Amino acid sequence: DITALPSSSCTAIEYEGEGDPDVLIASDFPLQGSSRTQTIQIVEAIRYLLEKANFKAGDHNVAFQSCDDATAQAGKWDSGKCSTNAQAYASNEAVVGVIGTFNSGCAQIVIPVLNQAPGGGVAMISPANTLVCITEGGPGCDDTEPDKYYPSGTRNYARVAPHDAYQGAAMAEFAQEQGIQNVYILNDRESYGLGVATNFRNAAESLGIEVAGFEAWDPRASSYEALFNKVKASGADAVFLGGLIDENGAQVIKDKVAVLGPNDGEVKLLAPDGFTTQQTIDEAGTAAAGMFMSVAGVPIDEFTGAGAEFA
């Protein structure tokens, strides 16, 4: 019999195939907070495919557990939870693969633990991590990256989302097409937010767009009006938000509009896929109108094969 992952983070074992399961896969996502709409959809997609395959992969009977790396207190992924989950996956002999994480900061914690699992590296594949430095070095990455995530010397991690060097460059080219000449770049201090903000800055500068400022917003602040008055004084004609809607992003958007006017007015508002979710509309309301958001993936109208059929 396979051993279940802890109920403190994960659902009970899910298996509807013939006989007994002999291997286990887990998903690791923040199932609380503003990312929940998207992460629940990803988990449902995993279940859909497992059912379609009768819970089999080759000769193996595959069971599944959906695990949560968020806490109610944080309302998003939590570093302690990511670490605890990683240890549980690595020490469970039945676990052959982990689908996740959603947040790059969580991936930085989980990858090295799974890389050194006692029975050999555990495969990990993410549909959502976009931080460049997890898989390659370059501008904005530490000299020890990405090698420090793979202490065994063998890679155990892959992603199916394009990384943020692409997203940053695409956003910068889009900004140029919109006639933006001077941009103020903000980030939420997280690995992903700072990373995509840095990628965007490098691309914007190479295109000749002036960078009026580059700084972080405090996710715990109650107001950002002083910050946007600073942006106003800089003369920037656009603001870029590198980060997640989870990091008090709705308040950032509301205060941007309060101080700098509507997003389709004199000061445009740009954001990457950390904001490309229904929650941005639900939480920021009319203040979100007219902002531009990118997504690290193929547009639905360009899907092919099973993806197109499913859509």
C-alpha atoms as a PDB file:
ATOM      1  CA  ASP A   1       0.000   0.000   0.000  1.00  0.00           C
ATOM      2  CA  ILE A   2       1.097   3.531  -0.692  1.00  0.00           C
ATOM      3  CA  THR A   3       1.336   5.994   2.190  1.00  0.00           C
ATOM      4  CA  ALA A   4      -0.759   9.166   2.010  1.00  0.00           C
ATOM      5  CA  LEU A   5       0.768  12.621   2.220  1.00  0.00           C
ATOM      6  CA  PRO A   6      -0.198  14.590   5.374  1.00  0.00           C
ATOM      7  CA  SER A   7      -3.864  15.615   5.642  1.00  0.00           C
ATOM      8  CA  SER A   8      -2.714  18.957   7.115  1.00  0.00           C
ATOM      9  CA  SER A   9      -1.781  20.026   3.564  1.00  0.00           C
ATOM     10  CA  CYS A  10      -3.317  17.506   1.193  1.00  0.00           C
ATOM     11  CA  THR A  11      -6.613  15.905   0.175  1.00  0.00           C
ATOM     12  CA  ALA A  12      -7.133  12.222   0.860  1.00  0.00           C
ATOM     13  CA  ILE A  13      -5.686   9.857  -1.769  1.00  0.00           C
ATOM     14  CA  GLU A  14      -7.744  10.064  -4.962  1.00  0.00           C
ATOM     15  CA  TYR A  15      -7.837   6.892  -7.078  1.00  0.00           C
ATOM     16  CA  GLU A  16     -10.587   5.488  -9.291  1.00  0.00           C
ATOM     17  CA  GLY A  17      -8.645   2.930 -11.328  1.00  0.00           C
ATOM     18  CA  GLU A  18      -8.593  -0.860 -11.217  1.00  0.00           C
ATOM     19  CA  GLY A  19      -6.739  -2.659  -8.429  1.00  0.00           C
ATOM     20  CA  ASP A  20      -4.574  -0.661  -6.033  1.00  0.00           C
ATOM     21  CA  PRO A  21      -2.389   2.347  -6.844  1.00  0.00           C
ATOM     22  CA  ASP A  22       1.361   1.736  -6.845  1.00  0.00           C
ATOM     23  CA  VAL A  23       2.630   5.291  -7.355  1.00  0.00           C
ATOM     24  CA  LEU A  24       1.508   8.713  -6.225  1.00  0.00           C
ATOM     25  CA  ILE A  25       1.641  12.147  -7.824  1.00  0.00           C
ATOM     26  CA  ALA A  26       0.917  15.360  -5.942  1.00  0.00           C
ATOM     27  CA  SER A  27       0.043  18.866  -6.995  1.00  0.00           C
ATOM     28  CA  ASP A  28       1.372  21.786  -4.964  1.00  0.00           C
ATOM     29  CA  PHE A  29      -0.502  25.089  -5.302  1.00  0.00           C
ATOM     30  CA  PRO A  30      -1.817  27.953  -3.146  1.00  0.00           C
ATOM     31  CA  LEU A  31      -5.459  26.950  -2.690  1.00  0.00           C
ATOM     32  CA  GLN A  32      -6.286  29.974  -0.488  1.00  0.00           C
ATOM     33  CA  GLY A  33      -6.170  33.673  -1.371  1.00  0.00           C
ATOM     34  CA  SER A  34      -6.407  35.563  -4.643  1.00  0.00           C
ATOM     35  CA  SER A  35      -4.767  32.843  -6.774  1.00  0.00           C
ATOM     36  CA  ARG A  36      -7.353  30.252  -5.753  1.00  0.00           C
ATOM     37  CA  THR A  37      -9.573  30.640  -8.857  1.00  0.00           C
ATOM     38  CA  GLN A  38      -6.698  29.660 -11.151  1.00  0.00           C
ATOM     39  CA  THR A  39      -5.176  26.974  -8.944  1.00  0.00           C
ATOM     40  CA  ILE A  40      -8.487  25.152  -8.449  1.00  0.00           C
ATOM     41  CA  GLN A  41      -8.873  25.085 -12.241  1.00  0.00           C
ATOM     42  CA  ILE A  42      -5.389  23.551 -12.619  1.00  0.00           C
ATOM     43  CA  VAL A  43      -6.199  20.854 -10.043  1.00  0.00           C
ATOM     44  CA  GLU A  44      -9.484  20.083 -11.832  1.00  0.00           C
ATOM     45  CA  ALA A  45      -7.548  19.739 -15.105  1.00  0.00           C
ATOM     46  CA  ILE A  46      -5.197  17.207 -13.467  1.00  0.00           C
ATOM     47  CA  ARG A  47      -8.190  15.184 -12.219  1.00  0.00           C
ATOM     48  CA  TYR A  48      -9.786  15.369 -15.673  1.00  0.00           C
ATOM     49  CA  LEU A  49      -6.715  13.866 -17.345  1.00  0.00           C
ATOM     50  CA  LEU A  50      -6.230  11.181 -14.688  1.00  0.00           C
ATOM     51  CA  GLU A  51      -9.844  10.088 -15.125  1.00  0.00           C
ATOM     52  CA  LYS A  52      -9.409  10.076 -18.894  1.00  0.00           C
ATOM     53  CA  ALA A  53      -6.373   7.797 -18.506  1.00  0.00           C
ATOM     54  CA  ASN A  54      -8.181   5.574 -15.960  1.00  0.00           C
ATOM     55  CA  PHE A  55      -5.539   6.552 -13.424  1.00  0.00           C
ATOM     56  CA  LYS A  56      -2.873   4.682 -15.389  1.00  0.00           C
ATOM     57  CA  ALA A  57       0.501   5.640 -16.817  1.00  0.00           C
ATOM     58  CA  GLY A  58       1.981   2.733 -18.758  1.00  0.00           C
ATOM     59  CA  ASP A  59       1.862  -0.251 -16.375  1.00  0.00           C
ATOM     60  CA  HIS A  60       1.518   1.939 -13.287  1.00  0.00           C
ATOM     61  CA  ASN A  61      -1.633   2.663 -11.315  1.00  0.00           C
ATOM     62  CA  VAL A  62      -1.394   6.336 -10.403  1.00  0.00           C
ATOM     63  CA  ALA A  63      -3.042   7.914  -7.361  1.00  0.00           C
ATOM     64  CA  PHE A  64      -3.269  11.660  -6.789  1.00  0.00           C
ATOM     65  CA  GLN A  65      -3.289  14.114  -3.899  1.00  0.00           C
ATOM     66  CA  SER A  66      -3.906  17.847  -4.188  1.00  0.00           C
ATOM     67  CA  CYS A  67      -1.762  19.771  -1.687  1.00  0.00           C
ATOM     68  CA  ASP A  68      -2.014  23.373  -0.514  1.00  0.00           C
ATOM     69  CA  ASP A  69       1.095  25.540  -0.013  1.00  0.00           C
ATOM     70  CA  ALA A  70      -0.889  28.571   1.225  1.00  0.00           C
ATOM     71  CA  THR A  71      -2.020  29.521   4.718  1.00  0.00           C
ATOM     72  CA  ALA A  72      -5.207  31.336   5.665  1.00  0.00           C
ATOM     73  CA  GLN A  73      -3.097  33.834   7.589  1.00  0.00           C
ATOM     74  CA  ALA A  74      -0.918  34.723   4.585  1.00  0.00           C
ATOM     75  CA  GLY A  75      -3.763  34.413   2.062  1.00  0.00           C
ATOM     76  CA  LYS A  76      -1.137  33.161  -0.400  1.00  0.00           C
ATOM     77  CA  TRP A  77       1.806  30.753  -0.609  1.00  0.00           C
ATOM     78  CA  ASP A  78       3.786  30.460   2.584  1.00  0.00           C
ATOM     79  CA  SER A  79       7.506  29.666   2.720  1.00  0.00           C
ATOM     80  CA  GLY A  80       7.130  27.438   5.797  1.00  0.00           C
ATOM     81  CA  LYS A  81       4.342  25.453   4.148  1.00  0.00           C
ATOM     82  CA  CYS A  82       6.374  25.077   0.923  1.00  0.00           C
ATOM     83  CA  SER A  83       9.277  23.696   2.951  1.00  0.00           C
ATOM     84  CA  THR A  84       7.082  21.288   4.973  1.00  0.00           C
ATOM     85  CA  ASN A  85       5.334  20.045   1.816  1.00  0.00           C
ATOM     86  CA  ALA A  86       8.675  19.530   0.059  1.00  0.00           C
ATOM     87  CA  GLN A  87       9.976  17.375   2.926  1.00  0.00           C
ATOM     88  CA  ALA A  88       6.771  15.289   2.817  1.00  0.00           C
ATOM     89  CA  TYR A  89       7.107  14.650  -0.941  1.00  0.00           C
ATOM     90  CA  ALA A  90      10.828  13.840  -0.724  1.00  0.00           C
ATOM     91  CA  SER A  91      10.417  11.371   2.139  1.00  0.00           C
ATOM     92  CA  ASN A  92       7.425   9.504   0.665  1.00  0.00           C
ATOM     93  CA  GLU A  93       8.698   6.582  -1.444  1.00  0.00           C
ATOM     94  CA  ALA A  94       5.455   6.392  -3.453  1.00  0.00           C
ATOM     95  CA  VAL A  95       5.737   9.981  -4.752  1.00  0.00           C
ATOM     96  CA  VAL A  96       7.144   9.907  -8.300  1.00  0.00           C
ATOM     97  CA  GLY A  97       6.238  13.426  -9.363  1.00  0.00           C
ATOM     98  CA  VAL A  98       4.984  16.808  -8.221  1.00  0.00           C
ATOM     99  CA  ILE A  99       2.946  19.163 -10.430  1.00  0.00           C
ATOM    100  CA  GLY A 100       3.718  22.675  -9.219  1.00  0.00           C
ATOM    101  CA  THR A 101       4.475  25.061  -7.841  1.00  0.00           C
ATOM    102  CA  PHE A 102       2.405  28.107  -8.814  1.00  0.00           C
ATOM    103  CA  ASN A 103       4.750  30.717  -7.309  1.00  0.00           C
ATOM    104  CA  SER A 104       8.430  30.921  -8.239  1.00  0.00           C
ATOM    105  CA  GLY A 105       9.435  31.803  -4.666  1.00  0.00           C
ATOM    106  CA  CYS A 106       7.907  28.537  -3.475  1.00  0.00           C
ATOM    107  CA  ALA A 107       9.641  26.619  -6.278  1.00  0.00           C
ATOM    108  CA  GLN A 108      13.018  27.953  -5.091  1.00  0.00           C
ATOM    109  CA  ILE A 109      12.356  26.219  -1.763  1.00  0.00           C
ATOM    110  CA  VAL A 110      10.889  22.962  -3.089  1.00  0.00           C
ATOM    111  CA  ILE A 111      13.194  22.151  -6.043  1.00  0.00           C
ATOM    112  CA  PRO A 112      16.429  21.545  -4.049  1.00  0.00           C
ATOM    113  CA  VAL A 113      14.608  19.369  -1.492  1.00  0.00           C
ATOM    114  CA  LEU A 114      13.108  17.149  -4.209  1.00  0.00           C
ATOM    115  CA  ASN A 115      16.453  17.182  -6.031  1.00  0.00           C
ATOM    116  CA  GLN A 116      18.077  15.470  -3.034  1.00  0.00           C
ATOM    117  CA  ALA A 117      15.214  13.112  -2.102  1.00  0.00           C
ATOM    118  CA  PRO A 118      16.552  10.022  -0.269  1.00  0.00           C
ATOM    119  CA  GLY A 119      15.416   7.586  -2.989  1.00  0.00           C
ATOM    120  CA  GLY A 120      16.713   9.803  -5.830  1.00  0.00           C
ATOM    121  CA  GLY A 121      15.435  13.041  -7.326  1.00  0.00           C
ATOM    122  CA  VAL A 122      11.656  13.491  -7.582  1.00  0.00           C
ATOM    123  CA  ALA A 123      10.426  14.893 -10.897  1.00  0.00           C
ATOM    124  CA  MET A 124       8.749  18.302 -10.679  1.00  0.00           C
ATOM    125  CA  ILE A 125       6.936  20.133 -13.466  1.00  0.00           C
ATOM    126  CA  SER A 126       5.378  23.570 -13.153  1.00  0.00           C
ATOM    127  CA  PRO A 127       2.599  25.083 -15.270  1.00  0.00           C
ATOM    128  CA  ALA A 128       3.167  28.538 -13.811  1.00  0.00           C
ATOM    129  CA  ASN A 129       6.692  29.389 -12.557  1.00  0.00           C
ATOM    130  CA  THR A 130       8.140  32.168 -14.721  1.00  0.00           C
ATOM    131  CA  LEU A 131      11.231  33.318 -12.772  1.00  0.00           C
ATOM    132  CA  VAL A 132      14.184  33.042 -15.183  1.00  0.00           C
ATOM    133  CA  CYS A 133      16.812  32.094 -12.569  1.00  0.00           C
ATOM    134  CA  ILE A 134      15.236  28.738 -11.643  1.00  0.00           C
ATOM    135  CA  THR A 135      16.458  27.198 -14.905  1.00  0.00           C
ATOM    136  CA  GLU A 136      19.105  29.556 -16.280  1.00  0.00           C
ATOM    137  CA  GLY A 137      21.390  32.405 -15.300  1.00  0.00           C
ATOM    138  CA  GLY A 138      21.582  35.898 -16.757  1.00  0.00           C
ATOM    139  CA  PRO A 139      20.730  39.493 -15.857  1.00  0.00           C
ATOM    140  CA  GLY A 140      19.070  39.771 -12.461  1.00  0.00           C
ATOM    141  CA  CYS A 141      20.166  36.253 -11.399  1.00  0.00           C
ATOM    142  CA  ASP A 142      22.622  35.448  -8.649  1.00  0.00           C
ATOM    143  CA  ASP A 143      25.949  33.848  -9.678  1.00  0.00           C
ATOM    144  CA  THR A 144      24.926  30.649  -7.874  1.00  0.00           C
ATOM    145  CA  GLU A 145      21.696  30.374  -9.907  1.00  0.00           C
ATOM    146  CA  PRO A 146      20.409  28.066 -11.262  1.00  0.00           C
ATOM    147  CA  ASP A 147      22.979  25.503 -10.021  1.00  0.00           C
ATOM    148  CA  LYS A 148      22.133  25.968  -6.326  1.00  0.00           C
ATOM    149  CA  TYR A 149      18.659  24.516  -6.945  1.00  0.00           C
ATOM    150  CA  TYR A 150      20.189  21.253  -8.208  1.00  0.00           C
ATOM    151  CA  PRO A 151      22.732  20.201  -5.556  1.00  0.00           C
ATOM    152  CA  SER A 152      22.801  16.599  -6.839  1.00  0.00           C
ATOM    153  CA  GLY A 153      24.051  17.898 -10.188  1.00  0.00           C
ATOM    154  CA  THR A 154      21.081  16.346 -12.043  1.00  0.00           C
ATOM    155  CA  ARG A 155      18.050  18.385 -13.028  1.00  0.00           C
ATOM    156  CA  ASN A 156      14.687  17.197 -11.717  1.00  0.00           C
ATOM    157  CA  TYR A 157      12.617  20.259 -12.665  1.00  0.00           C
ATOM    158  CA  ALA A 158      10.976  21.535 -15.840  1.00  0.00           C
ATOM    159  CA  ARG A 159       8.288  24.092 -16.619  1.00  0.00           C
ATOM    160  CA  VAL A 160       5.763  24.440 -19.401  1.00  0.00           C
ATOM    161  CA  ALA A 161       5.336  28.222 -19.027  1.00  0.00           C
ATOM    162  CA  PRO A 162       7.768  30.539 -20.836  1.00  0.00           C
ATOM    163  CA  HIS A 163       9.995  32.451 -18.412  1.00  0.00           C
ATOM    164  CA  ASP A 164       9.875  36.181 -17.717  1.00  0.00           C
ATOM    165  CA  ALA A 165      12.676  37.272 -20.036  1.00  0.00           C
ATOM    166  CA  TYR A 166      10.046  36.696 -22.737  1.00  0.00           C
ATOM    167  CA  GLN A 167       7.214  38.316 -20.824  1.00  0.00           C
ATOM    168  CA  GLY A 168       9.312  41.344 -19.824  1.00  0.00           C
ATOM    169  CA  ALA A 169      10.479  41.850 -23.411  1.00  0.00           C
ATOM    170  CA  ALA A 170       6.974  41.429 -24.855  1.00  0.00           C
ATOM    171  CA  MET A 171       5.589  43.983 -22.380  1.00  0.00           C
ATOM    172  CA  ALA A 172       8.367  46.459 -23.197  1.00  0.00           C
ATOM    173  CA  GLU A 173       7.717  46.132 -26.943  1.00  0.00           C
ATOM    174  CA  PHE A 174       3.995  46.579 -26.290  1.00  0.00           C
ATOM    175  CA  ALA A 175       4.721  49.704 -24.189  1.00  0.00           C
ATOM    176  CA  GLN A 176       6.742  51.122 -27.071  1.00  0.00           C
ATOM    177  CA  GLU A 177       3.854  50.422 -29.490  1.00  0.00           C
ATOM    178  CA  GLN A 178       1.547  52.327 -27.108  1.00  0.00           C
ATOM    179  CA  GLY A 179       3.814  55.360 -27.388  1.00  0.00           C
ATOM    180  CA  ILE A 180       5.060  55.096 -23.785  1.00  0.00           C
ATOM    181  CA  GLN A 181       8.317  56.991 -23.313  1.00  0.00           C
ATOM    182  CA  ASN A 182       8.871  57.139 -19.563  1.00  0.00           C
ATOM    183  CA  VAL A 183       7.858  54.329 -17.195  1.00  0.00           C
ATOM    184  CA  TYR A 184       7.890  53.993 -13.405  1.00  0.00           C
ATOM    185  CA  ILE A 185       8.493  50.364 -12.372  1.00  0.00           C
ATOM    186  CA  LEU A 186       7.182  48.954  -9.098  1.00  0.00           C
ATOM    187  CA  ASN A 187       7.582  45.446  -7.634  1.00  0.00           C
ATOM    188  CA  ASP A 188       6.196  43.488  -4.660  1.00  0.00           C
ATOM    189  CA  ARG A 189       9.633  42.347  -3.338  1.00  0.00           C
ATOM    190  CA  GLU A 190       8.954  38.691  -4.172  1.00  0.00           C
ATOM    191  CA  SER A 191      11.225  36.569  -6.404  1.00  0.00           C
ATOM    192  CA  TYR A 192       8.686  36.614  -9.240  1.00  0.00           C
ATOM    193  CA  GLY A 193       7.724  40.293  -8.918  1.00  0.00           C
ATOM    194  CA  LEU A 194      11.260  41.647  -8.661  1.00  0.00           C
ATOM    195  CA  GLY A 195      12.365  39.252 -11.404  1.00  0.00           C
ATOM    196  CA  VAL A 196       9.749  40.259 -13.972  1.00  0.00           C
ATOM    197  CA  ALA A 197      10.202  43.947 -13.061  1.00  0.00           C
ATOM    198  CA  THR A 198      13.948  43.596 -13.711  1.00  0.00           C
ATOM    199  CA  ASN A 199      13.347  41.779 -17.020  1.00  0.00           C
ATOM    200  CA  PHE A 200      10.928  44.533 -18.069  1.00  0.00           C
ATOM    201  CA  ARG A 201      13.372  47.282 -17.041  1.00  0.00           C
ATOM    202  CA  ASN A 202      16.250  45.753 -19.033  1.00  0.00           C
ATOM    203  CA  ALA A 203      14.049  45.365 -22.119  1.00  0.00           C
ATOM    204  CA  ALA A 204      12.553  48.872 -21.791  1.00  0.00           C
ATOM    205  CA  GLU A 205      15.989  50.475 -21.478  1.00  0.00           C
ATOM    206  CA  SER A 206      17.271  48.569 -24.520  1.00  0.00           C
ATOM    207  CA  LEU A 207      14.320  49.968 -26.505  1.00  0.00           C
ATOM    208  CA  GLY A 208      15.115  53.519 -25.408  1.00  0.00           C
ATOM    209  CA  ILE A 209      12.205  53.877 -22.980  1.00  0.00           C
ATOM    210  CA  GLU A 210      13.229  55.977 -20.007  1.00  0.00           C
ATOM    211  CA  VAL A 211      12.878  54.409 -16.541  1.00  0.00           C
ATOM    212  CA  ALA A 212      11.683  57.144 -14.165  1.00  0.00           C
ATOM    213  CA  GLY A 213      11.965  54.973 -11.067  1.00  0.00           C
ATOM    214  CA  PHE A 214      12.363  51.402  -9.828  1.00  0.00           C
ATOM    215  CA  GLU A 215      11.161  50.521  -6.338  1.00  0.00           C
ATOM    216  CA  ALA A 216       9.054  48.193  -4.215  1.00  0.00           C
ATOM    217  CA  TRP A 217       5.607  48.635  -2.752  1.00  0.00           C
ATOM    218  CA  ASP A 218       4.965  47.354   0.760  1.00  0.00           C
ATOM    219  CA  PRO A 219       2.187  44.716   0.592  1.00  0.00           C
ATOM    220  CA  ARG A 220       1.202  45.574   4.176  1.00  0.00           C
ATOM    221  CA  ALA A 221       0.650  49.284   3.540  1.00  0.00           C
ATOM    222  CA  SER A 222      -2.901  50.640   3.801  1.00  0.00           C
ATOM    223  CA  SER A 223      -2.352  53.377   1.199  1.00  0.00           C
ATOM    224  CA  TYR A 224      -0.062  53.983  -1.774  1.00  0.00           C
ATOM    225  CA  GLU A 225      -1.076  57.570  -2.498  1.00  0.00           C
ATOM    226  CA  ALA A 226       2.298  58.945  -1.357  1.00  0.00           C
ATOM    227  CA  LEU A 227       4.051  56.484  -3.667  1.00  0.00           C
ATOM    228  CA  PHE A 228       1.923  57.563  -6.631  1.00  0.00           C
ATOM    229  CA  ASN A 229       2.464  61.242  -5.843  1.00  0.00           C
ATOM    230  CA  LYS A 230       6.178  60.427  -6.220  1.00  0.00           C
ATOM    231  CA  VAL A 231       5.390  58.763  -9.575  1.00  0.00           C
ATOM    232  CA  LYS A 232       3.386  61.855 -10.566  1.00  0.00           C
ATOM    233  CA  ALA A 233       6.331  64.145  -9.779  1.00  0.00           C
ATOM    234  CA  SER A 234       8.607  61.981 -11.963  1.00  0.00           C
ATOM    235  CA  GLY A 235       6.550  62.774 -15.065  1.00  0.00           C
ATOM    236  CA  ALA A 236       6.211  59.097 -16.005  1.00  0.00           C
ATOM    237  CA  ASP A 237       3.539  58.328 -18.612  1.00  0.00           C
ATOM    238  CA  ALA A 238       3.143  54.709 -17.462  1.00  0.00           C
ATOM    239  CA  VAL A 239       3.433  52.484 -14.387  1.00  0.00           C
ATOM    240  CA  PHE A 240       4.495  48.814 -14.487  1.00  0.00           C
ATOM    241  CA  LEU A 241       3.503  46.565 -11.564  1.00  0.00           C
ATOM    242  CA  GLY A 242       5.850  43.599 -11.192  1.00  0.00           C
ATOM    243  CA  GLY A 243       4.115  41.254  -8.773  1.00  0.00           C
ATOM    244  CA  LEU A 244       0.995  39.448  -7.677  1.00  0.00           C
ATOM    245  CA  ILE A 245      -2.566  40.622  -7.126  1.00  0.00           C
ATOM    246  CA  ASP A 246      -2.219  38.719  -3.802  1.00  0.00           C
ATOM    247  CA  GLU A 247       0.272  41.343  -2.530  1.00  0.00           C
ATOM    248  CA  ASN A 248      -2.374  44.025  -1.888  1.00  0.00           C
ATOM    249  CA  GLY A 249      -2.409  44.579  -5.634  1.00  0.00           C
ATOM    250  CA  ALA A 250      -6.011  45.798  -5.727  1.00  0.00           C
ATOM    251  CA  GLN A 251      -5.194  48.692  -3.382  1.00  0.00           C
ATOM    252  CA  VAL A 252      -2.154  49.555  -5.531  1.00  0.00           C
ATOM    253  CA  ILE A 253      -4.408  49.754  -8.613  1.00  0.00           C
ATOM    254  CA  LYS A 254      -7.066  51.839  -6.808  1.00  0.00           C
ATOM    255  CA  ASP A 255      -4.497  54.345  -5.526  1.00  0.00           C
ATOM    256  CA  LYS A 256      -2.827  54.566  -8.935  1.00  0.00           C
ATOM    257  CA  VAL A 257      -6.173  55.640 -10.443  1.00  0.00           C
ATOM    258  CA  ALA A 258      -6.947  57.983  -7.509  1.00  0.00           C
ATOM    259  CA  VAL A 259      -3.672  59.872  -7.939  1.00  0.00           C
ATOM    260  CA  LEU A 260      -2.762  59.466 -11.622  1.00  0.00           C
ATOM    261  CA  GLY A 261      -6.175  59.128 -13.244  1.00  0.00           C
ATOM    262  CA  PRO A 262      -7.789  56.360 -15.325  1.00  0.00           C
ATOM    263  CA  ASN A 263      -5.573  53.702 -16.906  1.00  0.00           C
ATOM    264  CA  ASP A 264      -6.583  54.689 -20.428  1.00  0.00           C
ATOM    265  CA  GLY A 265      -5.756  58.329 -19.635  1.00  0.00           C
ATOM    266  CA  GLU A 266      -2.412  60.133 -19.456  1.00  0.00           C
ATOM    267  CA  VAL A 267      -0.676  57.503 -17.315  1.00  0.00           C
ATOM    268  CA  LYS A 268      -1.057  53.910 -18.556  1.00  0.00           C
ATOM    269  CA  LEU A 269      -0.967  50.899 -16.218  1.00  0.00           C
ATOM    270  CA  LEU A 270       0.847  47.704 -17.219  1.00  0.00           C
ATOM    271  CA  ALA A 271       1.053  44.408 -15.315  1.00  0.00           C
ATOM    272  CA  PRO A 272       2.293  40.847 -15.966  1.00  0.00           C
ATOM    273  CA  ASP A 273       0.484  37.545 -15.407  1.00  0.00           C
ATOM    274  CA  GLY A 274       0.569  37.887 -11.608  1.00  0.00           C
ATOM    275  CA  PHE A 275      -2.389  40.212 -12.191  1.00  0.00           C
ATOM    276  CA  THR A 276      -4.005  38.389 -15.117  1.00  0.00           C
ATOM    277  CA  THR A 277      -6.825  36.824 -13.148  1.00  0.00           C
ATOM    278  CA  GLN A 278     -10.492  37.372 -12.377  1.00  0.00           C
ATOM    279  CA  GLN A 279      -9.476  38.447  -8.850  1.00  0.00           C
ATOM    280  CA  THR A 280      -7.936  41.656 -10.231  1.00  0.00           C
ATOM    281  CA  ILE A 281     -11.338  42.648 -11.614  1.00  0.00           C
ATOM    282  CA  ASP A 282     -13.240  41.434  -8.534  1.00  0.00           C
ATOM    283  CA  GLU A 283     -10.971  43.156  -6.011  1.00  0.00           C
ATOM    284  CA  ALA A 284      -9.942  46.355  -7.830  1.00  0.00           C
ATOM    285  CA  GLY A 285     -13.357  46.906  -9.440  1.00  0.00           C
ATOM    286  CA  THR A 286     -13.667  49.763 -11.915  1.00  0.00           C
ATOM    287  CA  ALA A 287     -10.116  50.926 -11.087  1.00  0.00           C
ATOM    288  CA  ALA A 288      -8.814  47.964 -13.143  1.00  0.00           C
ATOM    289  CA  ALA A 289     -10.548  49.257 -16.298  1.00  0.00           C
ATOM    290  CA  GLY A 290      -8.176  50.084 -19.125  1.00  0.00           C
ATOM    291  CA  MET A 291      -5.067  48.456 -17.662  1.00  0.00           C
ATOM    292  CA  PHE A 292      -2.944  46.214 -19.873  1.00  0.00           C
ATOM    293  CA  MET A 293      -1.950  42.739 -18.657  1.00  0.00           C
ATOM    294  CA  SER A 294       0.194  40.056 -20.227  1.00  0.00           C
ATOM    295  CA  VAL A 295       0.068  36.309 -19.840  1.00  0.00           C
ATOM    296  CA  ALA A 296       2.963  33.850 -20.222  1.00  0.00           C
ATOM    297  CA  GLY A 297       1.323  31.472 -22.638  1.00  0.00           C
ATOM    298  CA  VAL A 298      -0.362  30.897 -25.970  1.00  0.00           C
ATOM    299  CA  PRO A 299      -3.648  32.750 -26.596  1.00  0.00           C
ATOM    300  CA  ILE A 300      -6.670  30.424 -26.637  1.00  0.00           C
ATOM    301  CA  ASP A 301      -7.352  31.177 -30.315  1.00  0.00           C
ATOM    302  CA  GLU A 302      -3.921  29.708 -31.153  1.00  0.00           C
ATOM    303  CA  PHE A 303      -4.439  26.422 -29.291  1.00  0.00           C
ATOM    304  CA  THR A 304      -4.060  23.288 -31.430  1.00  0.00           C
ATOM    305  CA  GLY A 305      -5.072  19.651 -31.039  1.00  0.00           C
ATOM    306  CA  ALA A 306      -6.676  18.556 -27.768  1.00  0.00           C
ATOM    307  CA  GLY A 307      -6.284  22.045 -26.285  1.00  0.00           C
ATOM    308  CA  ALA A 308      -8.321  23.644 -29.073  1.00  0.00           C
ATOM    309  CA  GLU A 309     -10.909  20.898 -28.853  1.00  0.00           C
ATOM    310  CA  PHE A 310     -11.230  21.316 -25.085  1.00  0.00           C
ATOM    311  CA  ALA A 311     -11.505  25.145 -25.307  1.00  0.00           C
END
